[in-house]
């Protein structure tokens, strides 16, 4: 049985992805910052598939040691982790010149650093096993920056760059690396904003794409996939 690790897995895209992998019969190591949310979601996942193992961890992914502790305990619980989904992210609607004093550090430590830390932790183990798939949840802002979300755009550009370096380093060893690049997606980032869900990507769409990419034949890698609302935003 395969084992997957997903960051920020109780809401939005992370939640949908975890449900998708649970239905595939894959053991799940999931983290979030709220213990109650993790406990409730663990029960939900167990009801979806009673045959999988689920490890939960209260983790603030902006703190390096907590991310590494989560990775180590997931490995201790399950053994080899063959799937990593770097989903955690933060979005601030602000130009760079109007950012708060801690905005840059917070975005770097949430949107970029956890993917780097987990790659460093698991990468050589995947090389040794000649197996694995890393999914990095980027953003349409990784391709076309948003002036009104400047620091977010910078960090998502950097995450896509990290994804490309990961892929180059891993491809000769049969380890797959895929950038998921969603446009406007109906997640908690939109709380308090009136939106038309029929004009947005849904978290389930992202999960469906990831599951289908994961199911592809062993010799295929999807370098990146862009998923936008039909309106193009």
Protein backbone atom coordinates (compact mmCIF):
# COMPACT_ATOMS: atom_id res chain seq x y z
CA UNK A 1 0.00 0.00 0.00
CA UNK A 2 1.31 3.47 -0.93
CA UNK A 3 1.75 6.31 1.54
CA UNK A 4 1.04 9.99 0.87
CA UNK A 5 1.93 13.10 2.85
CA UNK A 6 -0.22 16.21 2.36
CA UNK A 7 0.30 19.60 3.99
CA UNK A 8 -2.63 21.77 5.09
CA UNK A 9 -5.06 18.96 4.39
CA UNK A 10 -8.27 19.79 6.25
CA UNK A 11 -9.61 22.53 3.98
CA UNK A 12 -9.94 23.45 0.32
CA UNK A 13 -7.68 21.71 -2.16
CA UNK A 14 -5.77 19.73 0.46
CA UNK A 15 -8.99 18.27 1.81
CA UNK A 16 -10.25 17.28 -1.65
CA UNK A 17 -6.88 15.73 -2.54
CA UNK A 18 -6.82 13.71 0.70
CA UNK A 19 -10.31 12.39 -0.01
CA UNK A 20 -9.24 11.45 -3.54
CA UNK A 21 -6.23 9.49 -2.33
CA UNK A 22 -8.29 7.84 0.43
CA UNK A 23 -10.62 6.51 -2.26
CA UNK A 24 -7.55 5.16 -4.06
CA UNK A 25 -6.62 3.15 -0.95
CA UNK A 26 -3.53 5.19 -0.10
CA UNK A 27 -2.42 5.72 3.50
CA UNK A 28 -2.45 9.37 4.51
CA UNK A 29 -0.20 11.55 6.65
CA UNK A 30 -1.97 14.90 6.93
CA UNK A 31 -1.30 18.05 8.88
CA UNK A 32 -3.06 21.26 9.81
CA UNK A 33 -2.84 23.80 12.60
CA UNK A 34 -6.11 22.87 14.34
CA UNK A 35 -6.44 19.60 16.23
CA UNK A 36 -10.26 19.55 16.14
CA UNK A 37 -10.30 19.89 12.36
CA UNK A 38 -7.78 17.07 12.04
CA UNK A 39 -9.75 14.77 14.35
CA UNK A 40 -13.00 15.38 12.49
CA UNK A 41 -11.38 14.90 9.11
CA UNK A 42 -9.64 11.72 10.21
CA UNK A 43 -13.04 10.27 11.13
CA UNK A 44 -14.43 11.33 7.76
CA UNK A 45 -11.54 9.74 5.87
CA UNK A 46 -11.85 6.53 7.89
CA UNK A 47 -15.52 6.34 6.95
CA UNK A 48 -14.64 6.81 3.27
CA UNK A 49 -12.06 4.00 3.40
CA UNK A 50 -11.75 1.97 6.63
CA UNK A 51 -8.80 0.03 5.17
CA UNK A 52 -6.29 2.87 5.08
CA UNK A 53 -4.05 4.15 7.85
CA UNK A 54 -4.28 7.84 8.72
CA UNK A 55 -1.70 9.82 10.67
CA UNK A 56 -2.54 13.38 11.70
CA UNK A 57 -0.21 16.05 13.02
CA UNK A 58 -0.88 19.51 14.41
CA UNK A 59 1.74 21.41 12.41
CA UNK A 60 2.40 25.03 11.59
CA UNK A 61 4.07 24.61 8.21
CA UNK A 62 5.74 28.00 8.44
CA UNK A 63 7.98 26.60 11.20
CA UNK A 64 10.80 24.42 9.86
CA UNK A 65 11.18 22.11 12.85
CA UNK A 66 7.46 21.35 12.94
CA UNK A 67 7.52 20.41 9.26
CA UNK A 68 10.53 18.15 9.77
CA UNK A 69 8.95 16.55 12.85
CA UNK A 70 5.78 15.87 10.84
CA UNK A 71 7.84 14.27 8.06
CA UNK A 72 9.84 12.12 10.46
CA UNK A 73 6.82 10.88 12.35
CA UNK A 74 4.93 10.11 9.12
CA UNK A 75 7.90 8.03 8.00
CA UNK A 76 8.07 6.28 11.37
CA UNK A 77 4.37 5.45 11.21
CA UNK A 78 4.23 4.31 7.58
CA UNK A 79 7.70 3.69 6.24
CA UNK A 80 8.54 4.97 2.76
CA UNK A 81 6.52 8.03 1.70
CA UNK A 82 6.03 7.82 -2.05
CA UNK A 83 3.67 10.77 -2.60
CA UNK A 84 4.13 14.33 -1.36
CA UNK A 85 1.56 17.07 -1.95
CA UNK A 86 2.90 20.51 -1.08
CA UNK A 87 -0.42 22.25 -0.64
CA UNK A 88 0.06 24.71 2.22
CA UNK A 89 -0.19 28.35 1.21
CA UNK A 90 -1.09 31.85 2.32
CA UNK A 91 -2.56 34.66 0.24
CA UNK A 92 -2.40 38.36 1.11
CA UNK A 93 -4.22 40.88 -1.06
CA UNK A 94 -1.68 43.68 -0.97
CA UNK A 95 0.88 45.36 -3.16
CA UNK A 96 4.47 44.86 -2.07
CA UNK A 97 4.78 48.52 -1.08
CA UNK A 98 1.76 48.19 1.20
CA UNK A 99 2.81 44.88 2.79
CA UNK A 100 3.08 44.56 6.54
CA UNK A 101 6.50 44.11 8.11
CA UNK A 102 6.14 40.32 8.36
CA UNK A 103 4.34 39.65 5.06
CA UNK A 104 7.42 38.66 3.05
CA UNK A 105 8.79 36.26 5.69
CA UNK A 106 5.35 34.74 6.27
CA UNK A 107 4.81 34.11 2.56
CA UNK A 108 8.29 32.68 2.01
CA UNK A 109 7.97 30.43 5.06
CA UNK A 110 4.52 29.19 4.04
CA UNK A 111 4.36 29.17 0.25
CA UNK A 112 7.92 28.14 -0.57
CA UNK A 113 10.02 26.87 2.33
CA UNK A 114 7.93 23.80 3.34
CA UNK A 115 8.23 22.37 -0.17
CA UNK A 116 11.99 22.93 -0.03
CA UNK A 117 12.32 21.39 3.44
CA UNK A 118 10.26 18.32 2.52
CA UNK A 119 12.18 17.86 -0.72
CA UNK A 120 15.45 17.94 1.18
CA UNK A 121 14.07 15.43 3.71
CA UNK A 122 12.55 12.92 1.29
CA UNK A 123 14.36 13.51 -2.00
CA UNK A 124 17.36 11.21 -1.57
CA UNK A 125 15.12 8.49 -0.14
CA UNK A 126 12.99 8.65 -3.28
CA UNK A 127 16.16 8.50 -5.40
CA UNK A 128 17.31 5.40 -3.52
CA UNK A 129 13.91 3.76 -4.04
CA UNK A 130 13.70 5.05 -7.65
CA UNK A 131 10.09 5.80 -6.93
CA UNK A 132 7.92 8.70 -5.88
CA UNK A 133 5.75 11.58 -7.03
CA UNK A 134 5.90 15.15 -5.73
CA UNK A 135 3.01 17.50 -6.46
CA UNK A 136 3.52 21.22 -5.88
CA UNK A 137 0.38 23.36 -5.72
CA UNK A 138 1.45 26.54 -7.47
CA UNK A 139 -0.90 29.20 -8.85
CA UNK A 140 -1.80 31.02 -12.03
CA UNK A 141 0.14 33.83 -10.32
CA UNK A 142 3.21 31.62 -10.86
CA UNK A 143 2.86 32.46 -14.56
CA UNK A 144 1.19 35.88 -14.56
CA UNK A 145 1.83 38.00 -11.47
CA UNK A 146 -0.96 39.85 -9.69
CA UNK A 147 0.09 43.38 -8.75
CA UNK A 148 -2.52 43.45 -5.99
CA UNK A 149 -0.99 40.31 -4.49
CA UNK A 150 2.65 41.03 -5.12
CA UNK A 151 4.44 38.99 -2.49
CA UNK A 152 2.11 36.05 -3.05
CA UNK A 153 3.00 36.18 -6.75
CA UNK A 154 6.73 36.30 -6.00
CA UNK A 155 6.57 33.23 -3.77
CA UNK A 156 4.42 31.29 -6.20
CA UNK A 157 6.84 32.13 -9.01
CA UNK A 158 9.58 30.77 -6.76
CA UNK A 159 7.62 27.59 -6.03
CA UNK A 160 7.22 26.92 -9.74
CA UNK A 161 10.96 27.48 -10.14
CA UNK A 162 11.66 25.05 -7.31
CA UNK A 163 9.35 22.54 -8.99
CA UNK A 164 11.37 22.79 -12.22
CA UNK A 165 14.65 22.25 -10.39
CA UNK A 166 13.19 19.28 -8.49
CA UNK A 167 12.07 17.71 -11.75
CA UNK A 168 15.49 18.12 -13.37
CA UNK A 169 17.21 16.61 -10.35
CA UNK A 170 14.82 13.68 -10.02
CA UNK A 171 13.88 12.67 -13.56
CA UNK A 172 16.93 10.46 -14.15
CA UNK A 173 15.92 8.40 -11.10
CA UNK A 174 12.33 7.78 -12.14
CA UNK A 175 10.88 10.15 -9.53
CA UNK A 176 8.06 12.32 -10.86
CA UNK A 177 7.52 16.00 -10.10
CA UNK A 178 4.40 17.88 -11.18
CA UNK A 179 3.36 21.51 -10.79
CA UNK A 180 -0.38 22.04 -10.38
CA UNK A 181 -1.22 25.57 -11.52
CA UNK A 182 -4.79 26.55 -10.62
CA UNK A 183 -6.56 29.77 -11.44
CA UNK A 184 -9.27 31.17 -9.18
CA UNK A 185 -10.25 28.24 -6.96
CA UNK A 186 -13.11 28.19 -4.46
CA UNK A 187 -11.19 27.81 -1.20
CA UNK A 188 -11.25 29.55 2.17
CA UNK A 189 -9.14 32.34 0.70
CA UNK A 190 -12.42 33.71 -0.68
CA UNK A 191 -14.24 33.77 2.67
CA UNK A 192 -16.21 36.98 3.00
CA UNK A 193 -16.11 37.67 -0.74
CA UNK A 194 -19.21 37.18 -2.88
CA UNK A 195 -18.29 34.86 -5.75
CA UNK A 196 -20.06 32.74 -8.34
CA UNK A 197 -18.89 29.17 -7.79
CA UNK A 198 -19.88 28.30 -11.37
CA UNK A 199 -17.16 30.65 -12.57
CA UNK A 200 -14.40 29.16 -10.43
CA UNK A 201 -12.28 26.03 -10.25
CA UNK A 202 -13.52 23.74 -7.47
CA UNK A 203 -11.15 21.91 -5.10
CA UNK A 204 -12.51 18.64 -6.44
CA UNK A 205 -11.30 19.59 -9.91
CA UNK A 206 -7.75 19.91 -8.59
CA UNK A 207 -8.04 16.59 -6.75
CA UNK A 208 -9.37 14.87 -9.88
CA UNK A 209 -6.43 16.15 -11.92
CA UNK A 210 -3.90 14.95 -9.36
CA UNK A 211 -5.45 11.50 -9.04
CA UNK A 212 -5.54 11.06 -12.81
CA UNK A 213 -1.92 12.19 -13.15
CA UNK A 214 -0.91 9.80 -10.38
CA UNK A 215 -2.66 6.91 -12.18
CA UNK A 216 -0.69 7.42 -15.40
CA UNK A 217 1.83 4.85 -16.55
CA UNK A 218 5.19 4.61 -14.86
CA UNK A 219 7.09 6.13 -17.78
CA UNK A 220 5.01 9.33 -17.95
CA UNK A 221 5.53 12.62 -16.10
CA UNK A 222 3.16 15.56 -16.34
CA UNK A 223 5.53 18.48 -15.93
CA UNK A 224 2.80 20.99 -15.16
CA UNK A 225 -0.92 21.42 -15.63
CA UNK A 226 -2.82 24.71 -15.75
CA UNK A 227 -6.44 24.58 -14.58
CA UNK A 228 -8.42 27.82 -14.93
CA UNK A 229 -12.07 28.84 -14.83
CA UNK A 230 -13.70 28.89 -18.23
CA UNK A 231 -13.63 32.70 -18.05
CA UNK A 232 -9.84 32.49 -18.10
CA UNK A 233 -9.16 34.19 -14.75
